[in-house]
């Protein structure tokens, strides 16, 4: 692989992924903010979580592709490291969305307490 092909492949992948993310943002605009952020966070985890390639040291690929290739080529008996990384990233994303939800509900309660009741 030429030295410029790897960065070009990642740049193309990131631009295409960001474009699809923008389209998903528009598609999910009418959903509640919790649902929208959960869906967009799930997309970001699946699309952008990187993991190392075992056969090519020093190179990375999206973890979902590493997991798919592990399952297709090696079967279910391997370590499935890409899946572990995806599970951790998904858990972190869920904690982030839950924290945002708690902070937002607390802020809304405070604003409602300050508003006079008609």
C-alpha atoms as a PDB file:
ATOM      1  CA  UNK A   1       0.000   0.000   0.000  1.00  0.00           C
ATOM      2  CA  UNK A   2       1.378   3.375  -1.002  1.00  0.00           C
ATOM      3  CA  UNK A   3       1.958   5.882   1.795  1.00  0.00           C
ATOM      4  CA  UNK A   4      -0.786   8.242   0.576  1.00  0.00           C
ATOM      5  CA  UNK A   5      -3.512   5.605   0.080  1.00  0.00           C
ATOM      6  CA  UNK A   6      -4.157   4.920   3.775  1.00  0.00           C
ATOM      7  CA  UNK A   7      -4.750   8.584   4.779  1.00  0.00           C
ATOM      8  CA  UNK A   8      -6.784   9.131   1.602  1.00  0.00           C
ATOM      9  CA  UNK A   9      -8.982   6.129   2.398  1.00  0.00           C
ATOM     10  CA  UNK A  10      -9.617   7.416   5.938  1.00  0.00           C
ATOM     11  CA  UNK A  11     -10.295  10.957   4.702  1.00  0.00           C
ATOM     12  CA  UNK A  12     -12.802   9.644   2.162  1.00  0.00           C
ATOM     13  CA  UNK A  13     -14.441   7.457   4.791  1.00  0.00           C
ATOM     14  CA  UNK A  14     -14.701  10.315   7.316  1.00  0.00           C
ATOM     15  CA  UNK A  15     -16.141  12.763   4.772  1.00  0.00           C
ATOM     16  CA  UNK A  16     -18.711  10.219   3.583  1.00  0.00           C
ATOM     17  CA  UNK A  17     -19.567   9.299   7.186  1.00  0.00           C
ATOM     18  CA  UNK A  18     -20.012  12.946   8.156  1.00  0.00           C
ATOM     19  CA  UNK A  19     -22.226  13.480   5.110  1.00  0.00           C
ATOM     20  CA  UNK A  20     -24.418  10.543   6.037  1.00  0.00           C
ATOM     21  CA  UNK A  21     -24.506  11.805   9.627  1.00  0.00           C
ATOM     22  CA  UNK A  22     -25.789  15.158   8.369  1.00  0.00           C
ATOM     23  CA  UNK A  23     -28.510  13.429   6.364  1.00  0.00           C
ATOM     24  CA  UNK A  24     -29.479  11.390   9.421  1.00  0.00           C
ATOM     25  CA  UNK A  25     -29.606  14.585  11.512  1.00  0.00           C
ATOM     26  CA  UNK A  26     -32.113  16.014   9.043  1.00  0.00           C
ATOM     27  CA  UNK A  27     -34.080  12.765   8.899  1.00  0.00           C
ATOM     28  CA  UNK A  28     -34.335  12.570  12.704  1.00  0.00           C
ATOM     29  CA  UNK A  29     -35.212  16.267  13.168  1.00  0.00           C
ATOM     30  CA  UNK A  30     -38.826  15.592  14.140  1.00  0.00           C
ATOM     31  CA  UNK A  31     -37.984  13.046  16.823  1.00  0.00           C
ATOM     32  CA  UNK A  32     -37.610  13.921  20.489  1.00  0.00           C
ATOM     33  CA  UNK A  33     -34.133  15.065  21.418  1.00  0.00           C
ATOM     34  CA  UNK A  34     -33.369  11.929  23.486  1.00  0.00           C
ATOM     35  CA  UNK A  35     -34.324   9.604  20.628  1.00  0.00           C
ATOM     36  CA  UNK A  36     -32.456  11.742  18.102  1.00  0.00           C
ATOM     37  CA  UNK A  37     -29.245  11.818  20.140  1.00  0.00           C
ATOM     38  CA  UNK A  38     -29.488   8.090  20.898  1.00  0.00           C
ATOM     39  CA  UNK A  39     -29.850   7.252  17.193  1.00  0.00           C
ATOM     40  CA  UNK A  40     -27.112   9.663  16.117  1.00  0.00           C
ATOM     41  CA  UNK A  41     -24.834   8.417  18.889  1.00  0.00           C
ATOM     42  CA  UNK A  42     -25.431   4.833  17.793  1.00  0.00           C
ATOM     43  CA  UNK A  43     -24.535   5.806  14.233  1.00  0.00           C
ATOM     44  CA  UNK A  44     -21.370   7.574  15.390  1.00  0.00           C
ATOM     45  CA  UNK A  45     -20.270   4.568  17.450  1.00  0.00           C
ATOM     46  CA  UNK A  46     -20.875   2.112  14.626  1.00  0.00           C
ATOM     47  CA  UNK A  47     -19.376   4.292  11.906  1.00  0.00           C
ATOM     48  CA  UNK A  48     -16.421   5.982  13.588  1.00  0.00           C
ATOM     49  CA  UNK A  49     -15.027   3.696  16.322  1.00  0.00           C
ATOM     50  CA  UNK A  50     -11.585   2.607  15.068  1.00  0.00           C
ATOM     51  CA  UNK A  51      -9.731  -0.598  15.878  1.00  0.00           C
ATOM     52  CA  UNK A  52      -6.377  -2.057  14.868  1.00  0.00           C
ATOM     53  CA  UNK A  53      -6.015  -4.570  12.067  1.00  0.00           C
ATOM     54  CA  UNK A  54      -4.294  -7.738  13.243  1.00  0.00           C
ATOM     55  CA  UNK A  55      -2.748  -8.501   9.844  1.00  0.00           C
ATOM     56  CA  UNK A  56      -1.506  -4.932   9.276  1.00  0.00           C
ATOM     57  CA  UNK A  57       0.225  -3.529  12.377  1.00  0.00           C
ATOM     58  CA  UNK A  58      -0.016   0.234  12.629  1.00  0.00           C
ATOM     59  CA  UNK A  59      -3.179   0.384  10.526  1.00  0.00           C
ATOM     60  CA  UNK A  60      -6.709   0.899  11.774  1.00  0.00           C
ATOM     61  CA  UNK A  61     -10.179   0.370  10.357  1.00  0.00           C
ATOM     62  CA  UNK A  62     -13.713   0.940  11.645  1.00  0.00           C
ATOM     63  CA  UNK A  63     -14.341  -1.540  14.454  1.00  0.00           C
ATOM     64  CA  UNK A  64     -17.593  -2.747  12.890  1.00  0.00           C
ATOM     65  CA  UNK A  65     -15.665  -3.785   9.769  1.00  0.00           C
ATOM     66  CA  UNK A  66     -12.973  -5.484  11.863  1.00  0.00           C
ATOM     67  CA  UNK A  67     -15.715  -7.352  13.738  1.00  0.00           C
ATOM     68  CA  UNK A  68     -17.463  -8.354  10.491  1.00  0.00           C
ATOM     69  CA  UNK A  69     -14.221  -9.601   8.959  1.00  0.00           C
ATOM     70  CA  UNK A  70     -13.383 -11.537  12.135  1.00  0.00           C
ATOM     71  CA  UNK A  71     -16.789 -13.217  12.066  1.00  0.00           C
ATOM     72  CA  UNK A  72     -16.659 -13.980   8.351  1.00  0.00           C
ATOM     73  CA  UNK A  73     -13.066 -15.150   8.106  1.00  0.00           C
ATOM     74  CA  UNK A  74     -12.273 -16.596  11.531  1.00  0.00           C
ATOM     75  CA  UNK A  75     -15.694 -17.624  12.811  1.00  0.00           C
ATOM     76  CA  UNK A  76     -17.228 -17.022  16.215  1.00  0.00           C
ATOM     77  CA  UNK A  77     -14.468 -18.801  18.128  1.00  0.00           C
ATOM     78  CA  UNK A  78     -12.000 -15.898  18.049  1.00  0.00           C
ATOM     79  CA  UNK A  79     -11.669 -13.052  20.541  1.00  0.00           C
ATOM     80  CA  UNK A  80     -13.889 -10.583  18.627  1.00  0.00           C
ATOM     81  CA  UNK A  81     -11.906  -7.604  19.887  1.00  0.00           C
ATOM     82  CA  UNK A  82     -13.738  -5.249  17.521  1.00  0.00           C
ATOM     83  CA  UNK A  83     -17.012  -6.191  19.213  1.00  0.00           C
ATOM     84  CA  UNK A  84     -15.597  -5.503  22.662  1.00  0.00           C
ATOM     85  CA  UNK A  85     -14.443  -2.057  21.586  1.00  0.00           C
ATOM     86  CA  UNK A  86     -17.865  -1.354  20.067  1.00  0.00           C
ATOM     87  CA  UNK A  87     -19.604  -2.445  23.274  1.00  0.00           C
ATOM     88  CA  UNK A  88     -17.417  -0.167  25.382  1.00  0.00           C
ATOM     89  CA  UNK A  89     -17.894   2.783  23.015  1.00  0.00           C
ATOM     90  CA  UNK A  90     -21.657   2.194  22.958  1.00  0.00           C
ATOM     91  CA  UNK A  91     -21.768   2.098  26.762  1.00  0.00           C
ATOM     92  CA  UNK A  92     -19.871   5.387  26.968  1.00  0.00           C
ATOM     93  CA  UNK A  93     -22.273   6.936  24.439  1.00  0.00           C
ATOM     94  CA  UNK A  94     -25.289   5.755  26.471  1.00  0.00           C
ATOM     95  CA  UNK A  95     -23.809   7.231  29.660  1.00  0.00           C
ATOM     96  CA  UNK A  96     -23.248  10.515  27.832  1.00  0.00           C
ATOM     97  CA  UNK A  97     -26.855  10.653  26.556  1.00  0.00           C
ATOM     98  CA  UNK A  98     -28.237   9.726  29.988  1.00  0.00           C
ATOM     99  CA  UNK A  99     -26.112  12.433  31.636  1.00  0.00           C
ATOM    100  CA  UNK A 100     -27.395  14.968  29.110  1.00  0.00           C
ATOM    101  CA  UNK A 101     -30.972  13.868  29.831  1.00  0.00           C
ATOM    102  CA  UNK A 102     -30.531  14.227  33.594  1.00  0.00           C
ATOM    103  CA  UNK A 103     -28.912  17.652  33.278  1.00  0.00           C
ATOM    104  CA  UNK A 104     -31.607  18.829  30.886  1.00  0.00           C
ATOM    105  CA  UNK A 105     -34.460  17.614  33.107  1.00  0.00           C
ATOM    106  CA  UNK A 106     -32.838  19.282  36.137  1.00  0.00           C
ATOM    107  CA  UNK A 107     -32.516  22.547  34.208  1.00  0.00           C
ATOM    108  CA  UNK A 108     -36.160  22.327  33.072  1.00  0.00           C
ATOM    109  CA  UNK A 109     -37.304  21.736  36.670  1.00  0.00           C
ATOM    110  CA  UNK A 110     -35.356  24.782  37.808  1.00  0.00           C
ATOM    111  CA  UNK A 111     -36.854  26.926  35.036  1.00  0.00           C
ATOM    112  CA  UNK A 112     -40.370  25.708  35.865  1.00  0.00           C
ATOM    113  CA  UNK A 113     -39.830  26.561  39.533  1.00  0.00           C
ATOM    114  CA  UNK A 114     -38.891  30.130  38.591  1.00  0.00           C
ATOM    115  CA  UNK A 115     -41.916  30.665  36.288  1.00  0.00           C
ATOM    116  CA  UNK A 116     -44.968  32.082  38.039  1.00  0.00           C
ATOM    117  CA  UNK A 117     -48.057  29.906  37.857  1.00  0.00           C
ATOM    118  CA  UNK A 118     -50.928  31.567  36.070  1.00  0.00           C
END
